[in-house]
Amino acid sequence: MDKIHKLNDGCRKYWTDGGNVSGAVYTSDETHWNFIAEVMRHCIVTNPLHIDEFLYITQMEAEIIRWTLNMYNGDKNSCGIVTSGGTESILLCMLAYREKFKEERGITKPNIVMSETGHCAFEKAAFYFGIEIRKVPVTENFEADLNGFKKSIDSNTICLVASAPEYAFGNYDPVEKIAALAMSYGIGCHSDCCLGSYINPFISKLGYNPKYLIDFRVPGVTSISCDPHKYAYGPKGCSLALFREKKTREYQLFCSTSW
C-alpha cells in the first residue's frame, strides 16, 4: 500500500506543480479535486441499478443530462444517458443505430463512415457489434473529405461520424455538411464532441465565430457524445450519450424479462 501511495503522490506532484498532460488532466487545482473526492465519498456505496433505493443518484443523472442538453441546444424531445466514459457513449450510440436500422430497414450488414481522424472508439464499436467501418482519408489540409464521405455511403450505411473537434489535429469536421448528407439518406449523424465537451457551448459566447454549428441546432445531428471531465472538471469515468429523439435512445437499451 505504501508503494501505491508513493507512486500516486509522484504522479500527482507532476500535474499539480505546473505540469500539463493534454487530453488527460484538465485542471491541477488540488482543492477542486479534494472537493470532488468528498462529493464522491457520499456516493461510494450507491448502485444506480437500484433506483428505488438511491433516488438521489437518478435525480443527479437527470439533472446532468438536462444541463448538457440545454448547452447543446436540445429541445424537450431530446434525451440522454450517463455512461462510464466517452468510449461507452460512442459504443452505445453506434449500438442504437445498428438496432434501429436492423429493425426499421432490415440492414444486417451495417457500416458507418468517418474521417480517418475519428476516434478509435468507433473502431471498438465496429469490432464489438459487427459493424463495418469505412475510413475516409483527410485532405491535404488535414480536414475531413466530404466527397470521400459521399463515395463511401451505400444502402447499408447507418451513420456518418463528425468530430467536433478531432483528436489528432484539433480540427472541427464540417458537421453541418456531414449532417445534411446523412439527412439526405435518412441515416444517423453522430457529432463526437468528447474532446471539446464543455468548451464547445461557450465558443460563440466568448466572441469567437465558429466555422460550423456542431450541436442539435443542426437538423441532421441525431446523437452527441460529451465528457464532463473535459473542462467541466468532473471526475474521470463519466460521460453522456445524447439523443435527439427518445426512440433512438431506446434502441441501445437492454432488457431481460425471463431471468
Foldseek 3Di string as FASTA:
>chain_A
DVVVVVVVVVVLCQLLVPHDDPPPAADNPVVVVVVLVVVVVVCVPPDVVCCVVCVVVVVVQQVVFVVLCVLQVADPQKTKGKFQALLVLLLLLVLLLVQVCCVPPVQPAAEEEEAPLADCSNVVSCVVPVYHYHHFYADPVRADDLVSVVVPDDPRYAEYEWECPGDPPNDGHQQLSRLVVCVVVPHEYEYECAQVAVVVSCCVVVPHDDPHRRGVVRPSHFKYKHDCCRPVVHDRGIIMIMGNHPSSSVSSDDDDPPD
